[in-house]
């Protein structure tokens, strides 16, 4: 897999997270305090493919004091550094991923008084992992966070207010502060620090919709990252107008290629959309990628392996046309 990425021309490689059951399982596999036989809360999945597929269950209610038992990326990072001939990228789940989906009233509140108390312990663990990755010399550190979709989708904003019992705007401030604490642990290392935002990705299903408008100014101006990887693959993602709030010098990676649907995009269509986005962010600060992972859960999306490689080749070929021509 690493050789194939290099062959396609990628200068940063990942291991595909094949050691994880889903994109955030490195956390609960390395941290005691989760009841893994209980499903996480707060999901209402919608099919993103005509053929449909039942979403994979996401376990993980917190029922004890969190305690890290090992490095989250104890096997991934050494493997990548030993076998990749390019720079390497390691991803981590957002600290904000867990308080919303793993805090169960009557269970978690016996250990943590509220979501903020739980978040504080999660931040400490992830901050330590980010610092360790920086010390390892990892060149690209990315945090994956679907949870910001709770602040842009009116349905989920209401859920945060009524079910969690906190003001969505206050929760957004707390979420940004948590991310920044983690990223700051690697700031001096020179690693590229990136944030990927999505609206759910599980067996070609999704759970949130809406453009970035509601959170763009605050999120883009306050998150201390170098790159924003943003979904723009269909109408659920809204338009490019919120990109006007991207600070000068930061990179926006346009997620224009769907990982949920097997239909192939075209270079011509992608180039048109990149040109549209360049009205708000200079072309030299734009990049291209798939909209999310092809397999945020181990069962994967409803896209064949060959189609996945075809789409990655399309991304590479289109990027060369746009930025190397």
Protein backbone atom coordinates (compact mmCIF):
# COMPACT_ATOMS: atom_id res chain seq x y z
CA UNK A 1 0.00 0.00 0.00
CA UNK A 2 2.80 2.44 0.82
CA UNK A 3 4.52 1.64 -2.47
CA UNK A 4 1.27 2.19 -4.36
CA UNK A 5 0.82 5.64 -2.81
CA UNK A 6 4.37 6.56 -3.78
CA UNK A 7 3.78 5.20 -7.27
CA UNK A 8 0.77 7.49 -7.68
CA UNK A 9 2.95 10.45 -6.77
CA UNK A 10 1.86 11.18 -3.22
CA UNK A 11 4.61 12.78 -1.16
CA UNK A 12 2.92 11.97 2.17
CA UNK A 13 1.82 8.41 3.00
CA UNK A 14 -0.46 6.75 5.54
CA UNK A 15 -0.84 3.12 6.59
CA UNK A 16 -4.58 3.21 5.90
CA UNK A 17 -5.33 2.69 9.60
CA UNK A 18 -5.72 -1.05 8.97
CA UNK A 19 -4.87 -1.78 12.59
CA UNK A 20 -7.96 0.08 13.79
CA UNK A 21 -11.56 -1.14 13.80
CA UNK A 22 -12.57 2.43 13.03
CA UNK A 23 -10.88 5.79 12.78
CA UNK A 24 -11.02 6.46 16.54
CA UNK A 25 -10.53 2.97 17.98
CA UNK A 26 -6.85 3.70 18.67
CA UNK A 27 -8.12 5.74 21.61
CA UNK A 28 -10.27 3.18 23.39
CA UNK A 29 -7.83 0.39 22.51
CA UNK A 30 -5.18 2.32 24.43
CA UNK A 31 -7.24 3.84 27.24
CA UNK A 32 -9.04 2.06 30.08
CA UNK A 33 -12.41 3.39 31.19
CA UNK A 34 -14.72 2.46 28.30
CA UNK A 35 -17.59 -0.04 28.34
CA UNK A 36 -17.00 -1.36 24.84
CA UNK A 37 -20.13 -3.53 24.88
CA UNK A 38 -22.33 -0.42 24.84
CA UNK A 39 -22.91 1.56 21.66
CA UNK A 40 -22.08 5.23 21.57
CA UNK A 41 -25.01 7.65 21.58
CA UNK A 42 -26.27 10.47 19.42
CA UNK A 43 -26.19 8.96 15.92
CA UNK A 44 -29.01 8.92 13.39
CA UNK A 45 -27.45 7.68 10.18
CA UNK A 46 -28.77 8.40 6.69
CA UNK A 47 -27.90 6.37 3.60
CA UNK A 48 -25.41 7.99 1.29
CA UNK A 49 -25.62 5.31 -1.41
CA UNK A 50 -28.51 4.02 -3.47
CA UNK A 51 -27.65 0.44 -2.55
CA UNK A 52 -27.69 1.22 1.17
CA UNK A 53 -25.84 -0.52 3.97
CA UNK A 54 -26.36 -0.77 7.69
CA UNK A 55 -23.85 1.47 9.49
CA UNK A 56 -21.28 -0.18 11.69
CA UNK A 57 -21.91 0.07 15.42
CA UNK A 58 -19.63 2.44 17.31
CA UNK A 59 -18.95 1.21 20.86
CA UNK A 60 -17.65 3.15 23.78
CA UNK A 61 -19.54 4.54 26.78
CA UNK A 62 -17.22 5.88 29.47
CA UNK A 63 -17.85 4.03 32.72
CA UNK A 64 -14.59 4.59 34.58
CA UNK A 65 -11.79 7.03 35.11
CA UNK A 66 -9.78 7.23 31.89
CA UNK A 67 -6.26 5.86 32.09
CA UNK A 68 -3.88 5.49 29.16
CA UNK A 69 -2.28 2.05 29.05
CA UNK A 70 -0.02 2.51 26.01
CA UNK A 71 0.81 4.88 23.15
CA UNK A 72 -2.20 5.31 20.85
CA UNK A 73 -0.04 4.87 17.75
CA UNK A 74 2.49 2.49 19.26
CA UNK A 75 2.52 0.19 16.23
CA UNK A 76 1.45 2.51 13.41
CA UNK A 77 4.17 5.12 13.70
CA UNK A 78 7.18 2.77 13.81
CA UNK A 79 5.78 0.78 10.87
CA UNK A 80 5.31 3.90 8.76
CA UNK A 81 8.71 5.32 9.55
CA UNK A 82 10.44 2.02 8.85
CA UNK A 83 8.70 1.31 5.56
CA UNK A 84 7.71 4.59 3.92
CA UNK A 85 10.05 6.41 1.56
CA UNK A 86 7.92 9.56 1.75
CA UNK A 87 6.93 11.81 4.62
CA UNK A 88 4.35 10.12 6.83
CA UNK A 89 0.96 11.19 8.13
CA UNK A 90 -0.54 9.92 11.38
CA UNK A 91 -4.13 10.69 12.30
CA UNK A 92 -5.78 10.94 15.69
CA UNK A 93 -9.42 11.33 16.71
CA UNK A 94 -10.47 14.71 18.02
CA UNK A 95 -10.75 15.05 21.81
CA UNK A 96 -14.23 16.41 21.09
CA UNK A 97 -15.23 13.10 19.55
CA UNK A 98 -15.87 11.38 22.85
CA UNK A 99 -17.75 13.61 25.33
CA UNK A 100 -20.75 13.86 23.01
CA UNK A 101 -21.01 10.18 22.12
CA UNK A 102 -19.49 8.45 25.15
CA UNK A 103 -21.07 10.36 28.06
CA UNK A 104 -24.13 8.47 29.29
CA UNK A 105 -26.24 9.90 32.06
CA UNK A 106 -26.46 7.56 35.00
CA UNK A 107 -23.16 5.91 34.01
CA UNK A 108 -20.47 8.40 33.06
CA UNK A 109 -21.61 11.05 35.53
CA UNK A 110 -20.72 8.68 38.36
CA UNK A 111 -17.10 9.25 37.35
CA UNK A 112 -17.09 12.63 35.60
CA UNK A 113 -19.39 15.40 36.76
CA UNK A 114 -20.09 16.64 33.25
CA UNK A 115 -18.91 16.62 29.65
CA UNK A 116 -16.28 19.28 30.33
CA UNK A 117 -14.64 17.20 33.05
CA UNK A 118 -14.48 14.21 30.71
CA UNK A 119 -13.09 16.37 27.92
CA UNK A 120 -10.26 17.61 30.15
CA UNK A 121 -8.94 14.09 30.74
CA UNK A 122 -9.25 13.23 27.04
CA UNK A 123 -7.34 16.38 26.05
CA UNK A 124 -4.51 15.46 28.41
CA UNK A 125 -4.16 12.02 26.80
CA UNK A 126 -4.30 13.28 23.21
CA UNK A 127 -1.98 16.19 23.94
CA UNK A 128 0.56 13.66 25.16
CA UNK A 129 0.19 11.58 22.00
CA UNK A 130 0.59 14.63 19.73
CA UNK A 131 3.74 15.61 21.62
CA UNK A 132 5.07 12.06 21.25
CA UNK A 133 4.40 12.07 17.49
CA UNK A 134 6.27 15.36 17.19
CA UNK A 135 9.19 13.87 19.13
CA UNK A 136 9.12 10.85 16.80
CA UNK A 137 9.67 13.19 13.86
CA UNK A 138 6.29 12.58 12.21
CA UNK A 139 5.98 15.19 9.46
CA UNK A 140 2.18 15.41 9.19
CA UNK A 141 -0.18 15.17 12.19
CA UNK A 142 -3.90 15.24 11.50
CA UNK A 143 -6.88 15.32 13.86
CA UNK A 144 -10.14 13.93 12.47
CA UNK A 145 -13.29 15.51 13.85
CA UNK A 146 -16.82 14.84 12.61
CA UNK A 147 -18.15 16.46 15.77
CA UNK A 148 -18.09 20.06 14.49
CA UNK A 149 -21.02 19.04 12.32
CA UNK A 150 -23.07 19.27 15.53
CA UNK A 151 -22.58 23.03 15.39
CA UNK A 152 -23.49 23.58 11.75
CA UNK A 153 -26.55 21.31 11.40
CA UNK A 154 -29.65 22.89 13.09
CA UNK A 155 -30.92 19.45 14.12
CA UNK A 156 -27.71 18.64 15.97
CA UNK A 157 -27.39 22.13 17.47
CA UNK A 158 -30.79 21.53 19.04
CA UNK A 159 -29.62 18.10 20.24
CA UNK A 160 -26.60 19.66 21.96
CA UNK A 161 -28.86 22.18 23.66
CA UNK A 162 -31.60 19.80 24.77
CA UNK A 163 -29.84 16.47 25.29
CA UNK A 164 -26.39 17.61 26.40
CA UNK A 165 -27.73 20.65 28.20
CA UNK A 166 -25.17 23.18 27.03
CA UNK A 167 -25.30 26.18 24.75
CA UNK A 168 -23.94 25.17 21.29
CA UNK A 169 -21.88 28.35 20.98
CA UNK A 170 -20.26 27.79 24.37
CA UNK A 171 -19.60 24.16 23.43
CA UNK A 172 -17.96 25.32 20.19
CA UNK A 173 -15.62 27.62 22.11
CA UNK A 174 -14.67 24.75 24.42
CA UNK A 175 -14.13 22.42 21.46
CA UNK A 176 -11.78 24.83 19.69
CA UNK A 177 -9.78 25.37 22.88
CA UNK A 178 -9.43 21.59 23.28
CA UNK A 179 -8.10 21.13 19.75
CA UNK A 180 -5.64 23.98 20.14
CA UNK A 181 -4.24 22.53 23.35
CA UNK A 182 -3.47 19.31 21.47
CA UNK A 183 -2.02 20.98 18.39
CA UNK A 184 0.16 23.33 20.44
CA UNK A 185 2.02 20.29 21.76
CA UNK A 186 3.56 19.86 18.30
CA UNK A 187 3.76 23.46 17.14
CA UNK A 188 7.51 23.83 17.68
CA UNK A 189 8.33 20.60 15.84
CA UNK A 190 7.74 21.97 12.36
CA UNK A 191 5.23 19.22 11.54
CA UNK A 192 2.30 20.09 9.31
CA UNK A 193 -0.77 20.27 11.56
CA UNK A 194 -4.07 19.50 9.90
CA UNK A 195 -7.75 19.25 10.84
CA UNK A 196 -10.24 17.14 8.88
CA UNK A 197 -13.92 18.02 9.30
CA UNK A 198 -16.70 15.78 8.02
CA UNK A 199 -20.38 15.05 8.51
CA UNK A 200 -20.22 11.33 9.24
CA UNK A 201 -18.81 8.47 7.19
CA UNK A 202 -19.89 4.92 8.00
CA UNK A 203 -20.74 2.27 5.37
CA UNK A 204 -21.55 5.09 2.91
CA UNK A 205 -23.89 6.63 5.49
CA UNK A 206 -23.81 10.11 7.03
CA UNK A 207 -25.58 11.88 9.90
CA UNK A 208 -25.26 15.67 9.44
CA UNK A 209 -25.70 18.24 6.72
CA UNK A 210 -25.23 21.95 6.16
CA UNK A 211 -22.56 24.35 4.98
CA UNK A 212 -19.75 25.69 7.14
CA UNK A 213 -21.42 29.12 7.31
CA UNK A 214 -22.57 28.89 10.94
CA UNK A 215 -19.09 28.19 12.33
CA UNK A 216 -16.68 29.34 9.61
CA UNK A 217 -15.53 32.70 10.97
CA UNK A 218 -14.82 31.44 14.48
CA UNK A 219 -13.48 28.03 13.49
CA UNK A 220 -11.18 29.10 10.69
CA UNK A 221 -9.79 32.12 12.51
CA UNK A 222 -9.23 30.47 15.91
CA UNK A 223 -8.04 26.92 15.18
CA UNK A 224 -4.24 26.89 15.25
CA UNK A 225 -3.67 24.56 12.32
CA UNK A 226 -1.84 24.79 9.02
CA UNK A 227 -4.41 22.96 6.90
CA UNK A 228 -8.16 22.47 6.86
CA UNK A 229 -9.41 19.34 5.08
CA UNK A 230 -13.04 20.10 4.24
CA UNK A 231 -15.88 18.15 2.63
CA UNK A 232 -17.34 19.63 -0.53
CA UNK A 233 -18.42 16.51 -2.41
CA UNK A 234 -22.17 17.11 -2.65
CA UNK A 235 -25.02 19.50 -1.88
CA UNK A 236 -24.98 18.55 1.82
CA UNK A 237 -21.72 20.44 2.19
CA UNK A 238 -22.95 23.85 1.05
CA UNK A 239 -20.98 26.27 -1.08
CA UNK A 240 -17.47 27.68 -0.98
CA UNK A 241 -18.50 31.10 0.38
CA UNK A 242 -17.43 30.31 3.99
CA UNK A 243 -13.85 29.96 2.73
CA UNK A 244 -13.65 33.75 2.73
CA UNK A 245 -12.86 33.45 6.44
CA UNK A 246 -9.73 31.33 5.90
CA UNK A 247 -6.73 33.30 7.25
CA UNK A 248 -4.01 34.25 4.79
CA UNK A 249 -1.34 31.62 4.34
CA UNK A 250 -3.38 28.63 5.51
CA UNK A 251 -4.15 25.75 3.16
CA UNK A 252 -7.60 24.42 2.32
CA UNK A 253 -7.72 20.84 1.07
CA UNK A 254 -10.90 20.54 -0.98
CA UNK A 255 -12.62 17.19 -0.42
CA UNK A 256 -14.30 17.04 -3.81
CA UNK A 257 -14.03 13.32 -4.57
CA UNK A 258 -16.67 11.18 -2.88
CA UNK A 259 -15.60 8.19 -0.81
CA UNK A 260 -19.24 7.17 -0.31
CA UNK A 261 -20.32 6.67 -3.93
CA UNK A 262 -18.60 4.55 -6.60
CA UNK A 263 -19.40 6.92 -9.47
CA UNK A 264 -16.20 8.45 -10.81
CA UNK A 265 -15.74 12.18 -10.89
CA UNK A 266 -13.91 13.77 -13.85
CA UNK A 267 -10.83 15.95 -13.93
CA UNK A 268 -12.77 18.57 -15.86
CA UNK A 269 -15.47 18.75 -13.22
CA UNK A 270 -12.97 18.85 -10.38
CA UNK A 271 -10.96 21.62 -12.02
CA UNK A 272 -14.11 23.72 -12.44
CA UNK A 273 -14.86 23.40 -8.75
CA UNK A 274 -11.27 24.18 -7.74
CA UNK A 275 -11.48 27.34 -9.83
CA UNK A 276 -14.73 28.26 -8.06
CA UNK A 277 -13.05 27.83 -4.67
CA UNK A 278 -10.12 29.99 -5.80
CA UNK A 279 -12.47 33.00 -5.72
CA UNK A 280 -12.17 32.82 -1.94
CA UNK A 281 -8.74 31.24 -1.32
CA UNK A 282 -5.72 31.81 -3.59
CA UNK A 283 -5.01 28.87 -5.88
CA UNK A 284 -1.57 28.35 -4.30
CA UNK A 285 -3.29 27.75 -0.94
CA UNK A 286 -5.68 25.12 -2.26
CA UNK A 287 -5.23 21.36 -2.59
CA UNK A 288 -7.41 18.40 -3.58
CA UNK A 289 -8.38 15.19 -1.79
CA UNK A 290 -11.17 12.66 -1.30
CA UNK A 291 -13.94 14.01 0.91
CA UNK A 292 -13.22 11.58 3.76
CA UNK A 293 -11.66 8.17 4.31
CA UNK A 294 -12.76 5.24 2.17
CA UNK A 295 -13.20 3.26 5.38
CA UNK A 296 -13.84 5.17 8.57
CA UNK A 297 -14.95 1.78 9.90
CA UNK A 298 -13.34 -1.58 9.16
CA UNK A 299 -16.29 -2.74 7.04
CA UNK A 300 -15.56 0.09 4.60
CA UNK A 301 -17.80 2.15 2.37
CA UNK A 302 -19.69 0.74 -0.59
CA UNK A 303 -16.81 1.35 -2.97
CA UNK A 304 -14.53 -1.38 -4.32
CA UNK A 305 -10.80 -1.34 -3.68
CA UNK A 306 -10.11 -0.79 -7.38
CA UNK A 307 -12.45 2.20 -7.45
CA UNK A 308 -10.67 3.62 -4.42
CA UNK A 309 -7.31 3.43 -6.20
CA UNK A 310 -8.89 4.88 -9.35
CA UNK A 311 -10.20 7.82 -7.35
CA UNK A 312 -6.82 8.38 -5.70
CA UNK A 313 -5.18 8.35 -9.13
CA UNK A 314 -7.77 10.88 -10.30
CA UNK A 315 -6.88 13.12 -7.35
CA UNK A 316 -3.15 12.89 -8.13
CA UNK A 317 -3.56 13.41 -11.87
CA UNK A 318 -5.91 16.36 -11.42
CA UNK A 319 -3.64 17.99 -8.85
CA UNK A 320 -0.72 17.78 -11.27
CA UNK A 321 -2.84 19.41 -14.00
CA UNK A 322 -3.83 22.28 -11.72
CA UNK A 323 -0.68 22.99 -9.71
CA UNK A 324 2.18 21.66 -11.86
CA UNK A 325 1.07 22.75 -15.32
